[in-house]
Amino acid sequence: MGKRIVAVFLYLVFLSPVAAAESEISPPYTVMIALSYASPYVDDGRSSFADFAFSVSFKHVRFRFDPGQPLPMLGFHIMGGKGKGTLTRHTLNKVQTGCGTVIPKVTKAPDKEFDAWLSITPGPFHPEWMKGKQEMITPMPLQFMTSWGMDMMKWDYEEGHAYLGEEGIEVFIVDWASLSHGIPISLELPYPGDPEAKGGWWIEFIPEKTGTE
């Protein structure tokens, strides 16, 4: 198994342009990305969400691979990586301050919709990304990030104020071979937020029917 992992990694990093072929393009997909978590009140002064969730939809997304590139990481491309999201739950926890426990006051309600982006993870391919994915021959590293800005939502709690920070996934691996054949893919990832938070990411690649508008 160890030799297989090394061989796959060397294939990804040192693929020769001599073996180049025409670009491959996947069928169209709808990509759904959702985050949902709950976190208890903690009396250490932090401001956190008791319940939080959003979902993002990317319509008519195609993935392209150009094997003629000297490094496979440079060969992956996304066609249609901008999505629209909706914040569905955003209940704030109480906050412990020097004056006692207070209930935060929302001073800027969240927008109904926001933008988000799906892209190829930049930089070199890291072997540790393949942990638990040794059977994947053609891994494509993807990155997800919201784009709602500091004015998306704000709140005060007497001794301070806070705003909704961007959420994202630095890297998650999807099998290009499956995408290129229009195979549906489902992923579940943990949410690395507050240590007390319970929940995670849900990601779906749903093949669209031919002729979808």
N, C-alpha and C. Protein backbone atom coordinates (compact mmCIF):
# COMPACT_ATOMS: atom_id res chain seq x y z
N MET A 1 0.83 -1.21 0.00
CA MET A 1 0.00 0.00 0.00
C MET A 1 0.86 1.25 0.00
N GLY A 2 2.00 1.22 0.77
CA GLY A 2 2.88 2.37 0.82
C GLY A 2 3.45 2.72 -0.53
N LYS A 3 3.85 1.70 -1.32
CA LYS A 3 4.38 1.95 -2.66
C LYS A 3 3.32 2.56 -3.56
N ARG A 4 2.07 2.13 -3.38
CA ARG A 4 0.97 2.66 -4.20
C ARG A 4 0.78 4.15 -3.93
N ILE A 5 0.81 4.55 -2.64
CA ILE A 5 0.63 5.95 -2.27
C ILE A 5 1.74 6.80 -2.88
N VAL A 6 2.98 6.31 -2.78
CA VAL A 6 4.12 7.04 -3.34
C VAL A 6 3.97 7.18 -4.85
N ALA A 7 3.54 6.11 -5.50
CA ALA A 7 3.39 6.14 -6.97
C ALA A 7 2.33 7.15 -7.38
N VAL A 8 1.22 7.18 -6.65
CA VAL A 8 0.16 8.14 -6.97
C VAL A 8 0.64 9.56 -6.77
N PHE A 9 1.36 9.80 -5.68
CA PHE A 9 1.86 11.15 -5.40
C PHE A 9 2.84 11.59 -6.48
N LEU A 10 3.76 10.70 -6.88
CA LEU A 10 4.71 11.06 -7.93
C LEU A 10 4.01 11.32 -9.25
N TYR A 11 2.94 10.57 -9.50
CA TYR A 11 2.17 10.80 -10.73
C TYR A 11 1.57 12.20 -10.73
N LEU A 12 1.04 12.60 -9.56
CA LEU A 12 0.40 13.91 -9.46
C LEU A 12 1.40 15.05 -9.59
N VAL A 13 2.59 14.87 -9.04
CA VAL A 13 3.56 15.96 -8.98
C VAL A 13 4.43 16.04 -10.22
N PHE A 14 4.77 14.90 -10.81
CA PHE A 14 5.74 14.88 -11.89
C PHE A 14 5.18 14.39 -13.22
N LEU A 15 3.87 14.48 -13.40
CA LEU A 15 3.27 14.06 -14.66
C LEU A 15 3.91 14.82 -15.81
N SER A 16 4.41 14.10 -16.80
CA SER A 16 5.13 14.73 -17.91
C SER A 16 4.16 15.30 -18.92
N PRO A 17 4.46 16.52 -19.45
CA PRO A 17 3.59 17.09 -20.48
C PRO A 17 3.62 16.29 -21.77
N VAL A 18 4.60 15.40 -21.89
CA VAL A 18 4.67 14.57 -23.08
C VAL A 18 3.43 13.69 -23.18
N ALA A 19 2.89 13.33 -21.98
CA ALA A 19 1.72 12.45 -21.96
C ALA A 19 0.43 13.24 -22.05
N ALA A 20 0.55 14.49 -22.46
CA ALA A 20 -0.62 15.37 -22.48
C ALA A 20 -1.67 14.87 -23.45
N ALA A 21 -2.92 15.13 -23.08
CA ALA A 21 -4.05 14.80 -23.93
C ALA A 21 -4.97 16.01 -23.94
N GLU A 22 -6.07 15.91 -24.64
CA GLU A 22 -7.01 17.02 -24.68
C GLU A 22 -7.64 17.22 -23.30
N SER A 23 -8.05 18.46 -23.04
CA SER A 23 -8.70 18.77 -21.76
C SER A 23 -9.97 17.95 -21.59
N GLU A 24 -10.21 17.52 -20.36
CA GLU A 24 -11.42 16.78 -20.02
C GLU A 24 -12.34 17.71 -19.23
N ILE A 25 -13.62 17.70 -19.54
CA ILE A 25 -14.60 18.54 -18.86
C ILE A 25 -15.71 17.67 -18.29
N SER A 26 -16.03 17.90 -17.04
CA SER A 26 -17.08 17.11 -16.38
C SER A 26 -18.46 17.53 -16.85
N PRO A 27 -19.46 16.67 -16.66
CA PRO A 27 -20.85 17.10 -16.87
C PRO A 27 -21.19 18.19 -15.86
N PRO A 28 -22.29 18.94 -16.07
CA PRO A 28 -22.65 20.01 -15.13
C PRO A 28 -23.15 19.45 -13.80
N TYR A 29 -22.78 20.14 -12.73
CA TYR A 29 -23.19 19.77 -11.38
C TYR A 29 -23.86 20.94 -10.67
N THR A 30 -24.75 20.62 -9.75
CA THR A 30 -25.15 21.55 -8.71
C THR A 30 -24.38 21.15 -7.46
N VAL A 31 -23.66 22.10 -6.89
CA VAL A 31 -22.87 21.83 -5.69
C VAL A 31 -23.54 22.52 -4.51
N MET A 32 -23.87 21.73 -3.49
CA MET A 32 -24.51 22.26 -2.28
C MET A 32 -23.53 22.13 -1.12
N ILE A 33 -23.31 23.25 -0.43
CA ILE A 33 -22.43 23.25 0.74
C ILE A 33 -23.18 23.88 1.90
N ALA A 34 -23.25 23.16 3.02
CA ALA A 34 -23.98 23.65 4.18
C ALA A 34 -23.15 23.48 5.44
N LEU A 35 -23.30 24.43 6.35
CA LEU A 35 -22.66 24.36 7.67
C LEU A 35 -23.75 24.48 8.72
N SER A 36 -23.69 23.62 9.73
CA SER A 36 -24.66 23.65 10.82
C SER A 36 -23.97 23.23 12.11
N TYR A 37 -24.12 24.05 13.16
CA TYR A 37 -23.53 23.65 14.44
C TYR A 37 -24.27 24.34 15.59
N ALA A 38 -24.12 23.77 16.77
CA ALA A 38 -24.66 24.33 18.00
C ALA A 38 -23.53 24.38 19.02
N SER A 39 -23.53 25.43 19.85
CA SER A 39 -22.47 25.60 20.84
C SER A 39 -23.06 26.13 22.14
N PRO A 40 -22.68 25.58 23.29
CA PRO A 40 -23.26 26.03 24.56
C PRO A 40 -22.65 27.36 25.03
N TYR A 41 -23.32 28.01 25.97
CA TYR A 41 -22.78 29.22 26.61
C TYR A 41 -21.56 28.83 27.45
N VAL A 42 -20.48 29.60 27.30
CA VAL A 42 -19.26 29.38 28.09
C VAL A 42 -18.90 30.70 28.77
N ASP A 43 -18.67 30.67 30.09
CA ASP A 43 -18.46 31.91 30.85
C ASP A 43 -17.00 32.36 30.86
N ASP A 44 -16.43 32.53 29.66
CA ASP A 44 -15.04 33.00 29.57
C ASP A 44 -14.94 34.32 28.79
N GLY A 45 -16.07 34.98 28.57
CA GLY A 45 -16.05 36.27 27.92
C GLY A 45 -16.22 36.24 26.41
N ARG A 46 -16.24 35.05 25.84
CA ARG A 46 -16.38 34.97 24.38
C ARG A 46 -17.81 35.25 23.94
N SER A 47 -17.94 35.71 22.72
CA SER A 47 -19.25 35.88 22.10
C SER A 47 -19.38 34.83 21.03
N SER A 48 -20.39 33.97 21.12
CA SER A 48 -20.51 32.84 20.21
C SER A 48 -21.97 32.61 19.84
N PHE A 49 -22.18 31.70 18.89
CA PHE A 49 -23.53 31.34 18.47
C PHE A 49 -24.00 30.10 19.20
N ALA A 50 -25.22 30.16 19.71
CA ALA A 50 -25.83 28.97 20.30
C ALA A 50 -26.28 28.02 19.21
N ASP A 51 -26.71 28.60 18.08
CA ASP A 51 -27.18 27.80 16.95
C ASP A 51 -26.89 28.58 15.67
N PHE A 52 -26.27 27.92 14.71
CA PHE A 52 -25.85 28.63 13.50
C PHE A 52 -25.91 27.67 12.32
N ALA A 53 -26.41 28.19 11.19
CA ALA A 53 -26.48 27.35 9.99
C ALA A 53 -26.63 28.21 8.75
N PHE A 54 -26.04 27.75 7.66
CA PHE A 54 -26.26 28.38 6.36
C PHE A 54 -26.07 27.33 5.28
N SER A 55 -26.55 27.65 4.08
CA SER A 55 -26.35 26.76 2.94
C SER A 55 -26.04 27.61 1.71
N VAL A 56 -25.25 27.04 0.81
CA VAL A 56 -24.84 27.72 -0.42
C VAL A 56 -25.09 26.78 -1.59
N SER A 57 -25.56 27.34 -2.69
CA SER A 57 -25.80 26.56 -3.90
C SER A 57 -24.99 27.13 -5.05
N PHE A 58 -24.27 26.24 -5.74
CA PHE A 58 -23.54 26.59 -6.96
C PHE A 58 -24.21 25.85 -8.12
N LYS A 59 -24.76 26.59 -9.05
CA LYS A 59 -25.49 26.00 -10.16
C LYS A 59 -24.62 25.87 -11.41
N HIS A 60 -24.86 24.82 -12.18
CA HIS A 60 -24.23 24.62 -13.49
C HIS A 60 -22.70 24.70 -13.41
N VAL A 61 -22.14 23.99 -12.46
CA VAL A 61 -20.68 23.99 -12.29
C VAL A 61 -20.07 22.84 -13.09
N ARG A 62 -19.03 23.16 -13.83
CA ARG A 62 -18.26 22.14 -14.54
C ARG A 62 -16.81 22.21 -14.07
N PHE A 63 -16.18 21.04 -14.04
CA PHE A 63 -14.79 20.94 -13.63
C PHE A 63 -13.97 20.49 -14.83
N ARG A 64 -12.82 21.13 -15.04
CA ARG A 64 -11.98 20.82 -16.19
C ARG A 64 -10.59 20.40 -15.74
N PHE A 65 -10.03 19.43 -16.44
CA PHE A 65 -8.65 19.01 -16.17
C PHE A 65 -7.86 19.02 -17.46
N ASP A 66 -6.74 19.73 -17.44
CA ASP A 66 -5.84 19.82 -18.58
C ASP A 66 -4.58 19.04 -18.26
N PRO A 67 -4.45 17.81 -18.74
CA PRO A 67 -3.28 16.99 -18.42
C PRO A 67 -2.00 17.49 -19.07
N GLY A 68 -2.07 18.51 -19.90
CA GLY A 68 -0.88 19.04 -20.55
C GLY A 68 -0.06 19.94 -19.67
N GLN A 69 -0.56 20.28 -18.49
CA GLN A 69 0.19 21.14 -17.58
C GLN A 69 1.35 20.37 -16.94
N PRO A 70 2.48 21.05 -16.66
CA PRO A 70 3.62 20.35 -16.05
C PRO A 70 3.33 19.84 -14.65
N LEU A 71 2.40 20.49 -13.93
CA LEU A 71 1.98 20.03 -12.61
C LEU A 71 0.46 19.86 -12.63
N PRO A 72 -0.05 18.72 -12.22
CA PRO A 72 -1.50 18.49 -12.26
C PRO A 72 -2.30 19.53 -11.48
N MET A 73 -1.72 20.09 -10.41
CA MET A 73 -2.43 21.11 -9.65
C MET A 73 -2.80 22.30 -10.54
N LEU A 74 -1.95 22.57 -11.54
CA LEU A 74 -2.20 23.67 -12.46
C LEU A 74 -3.23 23.29 -13.53
N GLY A 75 -3.50 22.02 -13.65
CA GLY A 75 -4.41 21.54 -14.70
C GLY A 75 -5.87 21.59 -14.32
N PHE A 76 -6.19 21.70 -13.02
CA PHE A 76 -7.58 21.71 -12.58
C PHE A 76 -8.16 23.12 -12.67
N HIS A 77 -9.40 23.21 -13.16
CA HIS A 77 -10.10 24.49 -13.26
C HIS A 77 -11.57 24.28 -12.93
N ILE A 78 -12.21 25.36 -12.48
CA ILE A 78 -13.64 25.33 -12.19
C ILE A 78 -14.34 26.34 -13.09
N MET A 79 -15.41 25.92 -13.70
CA MET A 79 -16.20 26.79 -14.57
C MET A 79 -17.53 27.05 -13.87
N GLY A 80 -17.67 28.22 -13.25
CA GLY A 80 -18.88 28.56 -12.51
C GLY A 80 -18.72 28.38 -11.03
N GLY A 81 -17.70 29.01 -10.43
CA GLY A 81 -17.41 28.81 -9.02
C GLY A 81 -18.03 29.82 -8.07
N LYS A 82 -18.95 30.69 -8.55
CA LYS A 82 -19.60 31.66 -7.67
C LYS A 82 -20.98 31.16 -7.30
N GLY A 83 -21.28 31.18 -6.00
CA GLY A 83 -22.57 30.68 -5.54
C GLY A 83 -23.32 31.70 -4.70
N LYS A 84 -24.58 31.38 -4.41
CA LYS A 84 -25.44 32.20 -3.57
C LYS A 84 -25.82 31.41 -2.32
N GLY A 85 -25.75 32.08 -1.18
CA GLY A 85 -26.05 31.41 0.07
C GLY A 85 -27.12 32.11 0.88
N THR A 86 -27.68 31.36 1.84
CA THR A 86 -28.70 31.88 2.74
C THR A 86 -28.35 31.49 4.17
N LEU A 87 -28.36 32.48 5.06
CA LEU A 87 -28.14 32.22 6.48
C LEU A 87 -29.48 31.82 7.09
N THR A 88 -29.58 30.60 7.58
CA THR A 88 -30.88 30.08 8.03
C THR A 88 -31.07 30.12 9.54
N ARG A 89 -29.98 30.04 10.33
CA ARG A 89 -30.08 30.12 11.80
C ARG A 89 -28.89 30.91 12.34
N HIS A 90 -29.17 31.78 13.33
CA HIS A 90 -28.08 32.60 13.88
C HIS A 90 -28.45 33.10 15.28
N THR A 91 -28.66 32.19 16.20
CA THR A 91 -29.01 32.53 17.58
C THR A 91 -27.75 32.72 18.41
N LEU A 92 -27.60 33.89 19.05
CA LEU A 92 -26.41 34.19 19.83
C LEU A 92 -26.49 33.65 21.25
N ASN A 93 -25.35 33.24 21.79
CA ASN A 93 -25.26 32.88 23.20
C ASN A 93 -25.17 34.14 24.06
N LYS A 94 -25.44 33.99 25.34
CA LYS A 94 -25.17 35.06 26.29
C LYS A 94 -23.65 35.26 26.38
N VAL A 95 -23.24 36.40 26.93
CA VAL A 95 -21.81 36.71 27.06
C VAL A 95 -21.49 37.08 28.50
N GLN A 96 -20.41 36.51 29.03
CA GLN A 96 -19.96 36.84 30.38
C GLN A 96 -19.07 38.08 30.31
N THR A 97 -19.44 39.13 31.04
CA THR A 97 -18.63 40.36 31.10
C THR A 97 -18.30 40.66 32.55
N GLY A 98 -17.55 41.76 32.76
CA GLY A 98 -17.21 42.15 34.13
C GLY A 98 -18.42 42.58 34.94
N CYS A 99 -19.51 42.90 34.25
CA CYS A 99 -20.75 43.32 34.93
C CYS A 99 -21.74 42.17 35.10
N GLY A 100 -21.33 40.97 34.68
CA GLY A 100 -22.22 39.83 34.77
C GLY A 100 -22.54 39.26 33.40
N THR A 101 -23.57 38.46 33.36
CA THR A 101 -23.99 37.81 32.11
C THR A 101 -24.97 38.72 31.36
N VAL A 102 -24.68 38.99 30.09
CA VAL A 102 -25.53 39.88 29.31
C VAL A 102 -26.01 39.17 28.06
N ILE A 103 -27.09 39.68 27.50
CA ILE A 103 -27.62 39.16 26.25
C ILE A 103 -27.22 40.11 25.12
N PRO A 104 -26.51 39.66 24.12
CA PRO A 104 -26.08 40.55 23.04
C PRO A 104 -27.27 41.14 22.29
N LYS A 105 -27.07 42.35 21.78
CA LYS A 105 -28.10 43.02 20.99
C LYS A 105 -27.62 43.14 19.56
N VAL A 106 -28.39 42.59 18.64
CA VAL A 106 -28.04 42.66 17.22
C VAL A 106 -28.23 44.09 16.73
N THR A 107 -27.16 44.70 16.22
CA THR A 107 -27.24 46.07 15.71
C THR A 107 -27.28 46.11 14.18
N LYS A 108 -26.98 45.01 13.54
CA LYS A 108 -27.09 44.90 12.08
C LYS A 108 -27.58 43.51 11.77
N ALA A 109 -28.85 43.41 11.38
CA ALA A 109 -29.41 42.11 11.04
C ALA A 109 -28.72 41.56 9.80
N PRO A 110 -28.56 40.25 9.71
CA PRO A 110 -27.86 39.67 8.55
C PRO A 110 -28.63 39.85 7.25
N ASP A 111 -27.89 39.99 6.16
CA ASP A 111 -28.51 40.07 4.85
C ASP A 111 -29.19 38.74 4.52
N LYS A 112 -30.19 38.81 3.67
CA LYS A 112 -30.93 37.60 3.31
C LYS A 112 -30.08 36.66 2.46
N GLU A 113 -29.23 37.23 1.59
CA GLU A 113 -28.37 36.41 0.73
C GLU A 113 -26.93 36.89 0.80
N PHE A 114 -26.02 36.00 0.45
CA PHE A 114 -24.61 36.36 0.39
C PHE A 114 -23.93 35.57 -0.71
N ASP A 115 -22.76 36.05 -1.11
CA ASP A 115 -21.97 35.37 -2.13
C ASP A 115 -21.00 34.39 -1.49
N ALA A 116 -20.59 33.40 -2.26
CA ALA A 116 -19.58 32.44 -1.81
C ALA A 116 -18.83 31.94 -3.03
N TRP A 117 -17.65 31.37 -2.78
CA TRP A 117 -16.77 30.95 -3.87
C TRP A 117 -16.27 29.52 -3.67
N LEU A 118 -16.20 28.82 -4.78
CA LEU A 118 -15.62 27.48 -4.83
C LEU A 118 -14.44 27.57 -5.78
N SER A 119 -13.26 27.14 -5.33
CA SER A 119 -12.07 27.28 -6.16
C SER A 119 -11.11 26.12 -5.94
N ILE A 120 -10.10 26.04 -6.79
CA ILE A 120 -9.03 25.07 -6.61
C ILE A 120 -8.11 25.59 -5.51
N THR A 121 -7.74 24.74 -4.56
CA THR A 121 -6.84 25.16 -3.50
C THR A 121 -5.50 25.56 -4.10
N PRO A 122 -5.02 26.79 -3.84
CA PRO A 122 -3.75 27.22 -4.42
C PRO A 122 -2.56 26.59 -3.72
N GLY A 123 -1.41 26.63 -4.40
CA GLY A 123 -0.19 26.13 -3.80
C GLY A 123 0.08 24.68 -4.12
N PRO A 124 1.17 24.13 -3.57
CA PRO A 124 1.54 22.74 -3.85
C PRO A 124 0.61 21.75 -3.18
N PHE A 125 0.57 20.57 -3.75
CA PHE A 125 -0.24 19.49 -3.19
C PHE A 125 0.49 18.90 -1.98
N HIS A 126 -0.22 18.81 -0.85
CA HIS A 126 0.39 18.26 0.37
C HIS A 126 -0.01 16.80 0.55
N PRO A 127 0.96 15.91 0.71
CA PRO A 127 0.65 14.48 0.85
C PRO A 127 -0.32 14.18 2.01
N GLU A 128 -0.29 15.00 3.09
CA GLU A 128 -1.16 14.72 4.23
C GLU A 128 -2.64 14.89 3.89
N TRP A 129 -2.94 15.58 2.80
CA TRP A 129 -4.33 15.70 2.37
C TRP A 129 -4.93 14.35 2.00
N MET A 130 -4.06 13.39 1.69
CA MET A 130 -4.52 12.08 1.23
C MET A 130 -4.77 11.09 2.36
N LYS A 131 -4.68 11.55 3.61
CA LYS A 131 -4.92 10.66 4.74
C LYS A 131 -6.32 10.08 4.67
N GLY A 132 -6.40 8.76 4.64
CA GLY A 132 -7.68 8.08 4.54
C GLY A 132 -8.26 8.04 3.14
N LYS A 133 -7.49 8.52 2.15
CA LYS A 133 -7.98 8.55 0.77
C LYS A 133 -6.98 7.87 -0.17
N GLN A 134 -6.31 6.86 0.32
CA GLN A 134 -5.24 6.23 -0.45
C GLN A 134 -5.72 5.60 -1.75
N GLU A 135 -6.99 5.25 -1.84
CA GLU A 135 -7.50 4.60 -3.04
C GLU A 135 -7.90 5.60 -4.12
N MET A 136 -7.84 6.88 -3.82
CA MET A 136 -8.22 7.90 -4.77
C MET A 136 -7.05 8.17 -5.73
N ILE A 137 -7.24 7.87 -7.02
CA ILE A 137 -6.17 7.99 -8.00
C ILE A 137 -5.97 9.41 -8.50
N THR A 138 -7.06 10.15 -8.64
CA THR A 138 -6.95 11.50 -9.21
C THR A 138 -7.60 12.52 -8.27
N PRO A 139 -6.95 12.84 -7.16
CA PRO A 139 -7.54 13.77 -6.19
C PRO A 139 -7.50 15.21 -6.67
N MET A 140 -8.62 15.91 -6.52
CA MET A 140 -8.70 17.33 -6.85
C MET A 140 -8.95 18.11 -5.57
N PRO A 141 -8.03 18.99 -5.15
CA PRO A 141 -8.21 19.75 -3.91
C PRO A 141 -9.04 21.01 -4.14
N LEU A 142 -10.14 21.13 -3.42
CA LEU A 142 -11.04 22.27 -3.56
C LEU A 142 -11.04 23.11 -2.29
N GLN A 143 -11.43 24.37 -2.47
CA GLN A 143 -11.49 25.33 -1.37
C GLN A 143 -12.82 26.06 -1.43
N PHE A 144 -13.43 26.30 -0.26
CA PHE A 144 -14.70 27.01 -0.19
C PHE A 144 -14.56 28.20 0.74
N MET A 145 -15.17 29.35 0.36
CA MET A 145 -15.12 30.53 1.22
C MET A 145 -16.36 31.39 1.01
N THR A 146 -16.94 31.83 2.13
CA THR A 146 -18.03 32.79 2.03
C THR A 146 -17.46 34.16 1.66
N SER A 147 -18.34 35.05 1.23
CA SER A 147 -17.91 36.39 0.85
C SER A 147 -18.98 37.39 1.26
N TRP A 148 -19.27 37.42 2.58
CA TRP A 148 -20.34 38.29 3.04
C TRP A 148 -19.82 39.60 3.64
N GLY A 149 -18.54 39.71 3.96
CA GLY A 149 -18.00 40.97 4.44
C GLY A 149 -18.37 41.27 5.88
N MET A 150 -17.71 42.29 6.46
CA MET A 150 -17.89 42.63 7.87
C MET A 150 -19.27 43.22 8.17
N ASP A 151 -19.98 43.69 7.15
CA ASP A 151 -21.29 44.29 7.38
C ASP A 151 -22.43 43.28 7.29
N MET A 152 -22.11 42.00 7.19
CA MET A 152 -23.15 40.98 7.08
C MET A 152 -24.05 40.95 8.33
N MET A 153 -23.42 41.00 9.51
CA MET A 153 -24.16 40.95 10.77
C MET A 153 -23.28 41.49 11.89
N LYS A 154 -23.85 42.36 12.76
CA LYS A 154 -23.10 42.91 13.88
C LYS A 154 -23.94 42.85 15.15
N TRP A 155 -23.26 42.80 16.33
CA TRP A 155 -23.97 42.83 17.59
C TRP A 155 -23.09 43.42 18.69
N ASP A 156 -23.75 43.98 19.72
CA ASP A 156 -23.07 44.59 20.87
C ASP A 156 -23.43 43.83 22.13
N TYR A 157 -22.54 43.93 23.16
CA TYR A 157 -22.84 43.31 24.45
C TYR A 157 -22.22 44.13 25.59
N GLU A 158 -22.55 45.43 25.64
CA GLU A 158 -22.15 46.39 26.67
C GLU A 158 -20.66 46.68 26.68
N GLU A 159 -19.82 45.70 26.89
CA GLU A 159 -18.39 45.92 26.99
C GLU A 159 -17.65 45.65 25.68
N GLY A 160 -18.38 45.37 24.64
CA GLY A 160 -17.72 45.08 23.37
C GLY A 160 -18.72 44.92 22.25
N HIS A 161 -18.20 44.62 21.09
CA HIS A 161 -19.06 44.36 19.94
C HIS A 161 -18.38 43.30 19.07
N ALA A 162 -19.12 42.70 18.19
CA ALA A 162 -18.60 41.64 17.34
C ALA A 162 -19.33 41.65 16.01
N TYR A 163 -18.77 40.97 15.05
CA TYR A 163 -19.40 40.84 13.74
C TYR A 163 -19.20 39.42 13.23
N LEU A 164 -19.99 39.07 12.27
CA LEU A 164 -19.94 37.72 11.72
C LEU A 164 -18.72 37.56 10.83
N GLY A 165 -17.82 36.66 11.21
CA GLY A 165 -16.62 36.42 10.42
C GLY A 165 -16.86 35.44 9.29
N GLU A 166 -16.03 35.52 8.27
CA GLU A 166 -16.18 34.62 7.13
C GLU A 166 -15.99 33.17 7.55
N GLU A 167 -16.66 32.28 6.87
CA GLU A 167 -16.51 30.84 7.10
C GLU A 167 -15.98 30.19 5.83
N GLY A 168 -15.24 29.11 5.99
CA GLY A 168 -14.72 28.44 4.81
C GLY A 168 -14.06 27.11 5.13
N ILE A 169 -13.67 26.43 4.09
CA ILE A 169 -12.94 25.16 4.20
C ILE A 169 -11.65 25.34 3.40
N GLU A 170 -10.52 25.26 4.06
CA GLU A 170 -9.23 25.51 3.41
C GLU A 170 -8.96 24.52 2.29
N VAL A 171 -9.26 23.26 2.53
CA VAL A 171 -9.07 22.26 1.49
C VAL A 171 -9.95 21.05 1.78
N PHE A 172 -10.60 20.52 0.73
CA PHE A 172 -11.25 19.22 0.80
C PHE A 172 -11.04 18.53 -0.53
N ILE A 173 -10.87 17.22 -0.48
CA ILE A 173 -10.46 16.45 -1.64
C ILE A 173 -11.66 15.77 -2.28
N VAL A 174 -11.75 15.90 -3.61
CA VAL A 174 -12.80 15.25 -4.39
C VAL A 174 -12.13 14.45 -5.51
N ASP A 175 -12.68 13.30 -5.83
CA ASP A 175 -12.09 12.45 -6.86
C ASP A 175 -12.47 12.95 -8.25
N TRP A 176 -11.48 13.41 -9.00
CA TRP A 176 -11.72 13.92 -10.35
C TRP A 176 -12.31 12.84 -11.25
N ALA A 177 -11.85 11.61 -11.10
CA ALA A 177 -12.35 10.52 -11.93
C ALA A 177 -13.86 10.37 -11.78
N SER A 178 -14.37 10.52 -10.55
CA SER A 178 -15.82 10.43 -10.33
C SER A 178 -16.54 11.61 -10.94
N LEU A 179 -16.02 12.82 -10.75
CA LEU A 179 -16.66 14.01 -11.30
C LEU A 179 -16.69 13.97 -12.83
N SER A 180 -15.61 13.52 -13.43
CA SER A 180 -15.53 13.50 -14.89
C SER A 180 -16.56 12.56 -15.50
N HIS A 181 -17.05 11.59 -14.72
CA HIS A 181 -18.05 10.64 -15.21
C HIS A 181 -19.46 10.97 -14.71
N GLY A 182 -19.63 12.14 -14.08
CA GLY A 182 -20.96 12.54 -13.63
C GLY A 182 -21.50 11.76 -12.46
N ILE A 183 -20.62 11.26 -11.61
CA ILE A 183 -21.04 10.46 -10.45
C ILE A 183 -21.33 11.39 -9.27
N PRO A 184 -22.46 11.21 -8.59
CA PRO A 184 -22.75 12.05 -7.41
C PRO A 184 -21.76 11.77 -6.28
N ILE A 185 -21.45 12.82 -5.53
CA ILE A 185 -20.49 12.71 -4.43
C ILE A 185 -21.07 13.39 -3.20
N SER A 186 -20.93 12.74 -2.03
CA SER A 186 -21.36 13.31 -0.76
C SER A 186 -20.20 13.30 0.22
N LEU A 187 -20.02 14.41 0.93
CA LEU A 187 -18.95 14.51 1.91
C LEU A 187 -19.50 15.09 3.21
N GLU A 188 -18.96 14.64 4.33
CA GLU A 188 -19.25 15.23 5.63
C GLU A 188 -17.92 15.54 6.29
N LEU A 189 -17.76 16.79 6.76
CA LEU A 189 -16.51 17.21 7.37
C LEU A 189 -16.78 17.84 8.73
N PRO A 190 -15.87 17.67 9.69
CA PRO A 190 -16.06 18.29 11.00
C PRO A 190 -15.90 19.80 10.93
N TYR A 191 -16.51 20.50 11.86
CA TYR A 191 -16.38 21.95 11.94
C TYR A 191 -15.32 22.30 12.99
N PRO A 192 -14.20 22.88 12.57
CA PRO A 192 -13.11 23.18 13.53
C PRO A 192 -13.28 24.55 14.18
N GLY A 193 -14.45 24.81 14.77
CA GLY A 193 -14.69 26.09 15.42
C GLY A 193 -14.38 26.01 16.90
N ASP A 194 -15.25 26.59 17.75
CA ASP A 194 -15.08 26.48 19.19
C ASP A 194 -15.02 25.01 19.58
N PRO A 195 -14.16 24.65 20.55
CA PRO A 195 -14.05 23.23 20.93
C PRO A 195 -15.35 22.63 21.42
N GLU A 196 -16.26 23.48 21.93
CA GLU A 196 -17.54 22.97 22.43
C GLU A 196 -18.59 22.79 21.33
N ALA A 197 -18.32 23.33 20.15
CA ALA A 197 -19.30 23.29 19.06
C ALA A 197 -19.54 21.86 18.57
N LYS A 198 -20.79 21.57 18.29
CA LYS A 198 -21.19 20.26 17.76
C LYS A 198 -21.88 20.47 16.41
N GLY A 199 -21.32 19.89 15.38
CA GLY A 199 -21.91 20.03 14.05
C GLY A 199 -20.85 19.83 12.99
N GLY A 200 -21.13 20.29 11.78
CA GLY A 200 -20.14 20.10 10.73
C GLY A 200 -20.62 20.57 9.38
N TRP A 201 -19.79 20.28 8.38
CA TRP A 201 -20.04 20.63 6.99
C TRP A 201 -20.70 19.46 6.26
N TRP A 202 -21.60 19.79 5.36
CA TRP A 202 -22.24 18.81 4.49
C TRP A 202 -22.06 19.31 3.06
N ILE A 203 -21.50 18.47 2.19
CA ILE A 203 -21.19 18.87 0.81
C ILE A 203 -21.77 17.83 -0.14
N GLU A 204 -22.48 18.31 -1.17
CA GLU A 204 -23.09 17.42 -2.16
C GLU A 204 -22.75 17.91 -3.57
N PHE A 205 -22.30 16.98 -4.41
CA PHE A 205 -22.11 17.23 -5.84
C PHE A 205 -23.21 16.45 -6.55
N ILE A 206 -24.18 17.16 -7.08
CA ILE A 206 -25.36 16.54 -7.67
C ILE A 206 -25.33 16.72 -9.19
N PRO A 207 -25.24 15.65 -9.96
CA PRO A 207 -25.22 15.79 -11.42
C PRO A 207 -26.53 16.40 -11.91
N GLU A 208 -26.42 17.34 -12.83
CA GLU A 208 -27.61 17.96 -13.41
C GLU A 208 -28.04 17.21 -14.66
N LYS A 209 -29.34 17.18 -14.92
CA LYS A 209 -29.83 16.53 -16.12
C LYS A 209 -29.41 17.31 -17.35
N THR A 210 -29.16 16.62 -18.41
CA THR A 210 -28.79 17.26 -19.67
C THR A 210 -29.90 18.21 -20.11
N GLY A 211 -29.50 19.43 -20.45
CA GLY A 211 -30.47 20.41 -20.90
C GLY A 211 -30.99 21.27 -19.78
N THR A 212 -30.41 21.13 -18.54
CA THR A 212 -30.85 21.97 -17.44
C THR A 212 -30.54 23.42 -17.72
N GLU A 213 -31.50 24.28 -17.51
CA GLU A 213 -31.29 25.71 -17.77
C GLU A 213 -30.70 26.38 -16.55
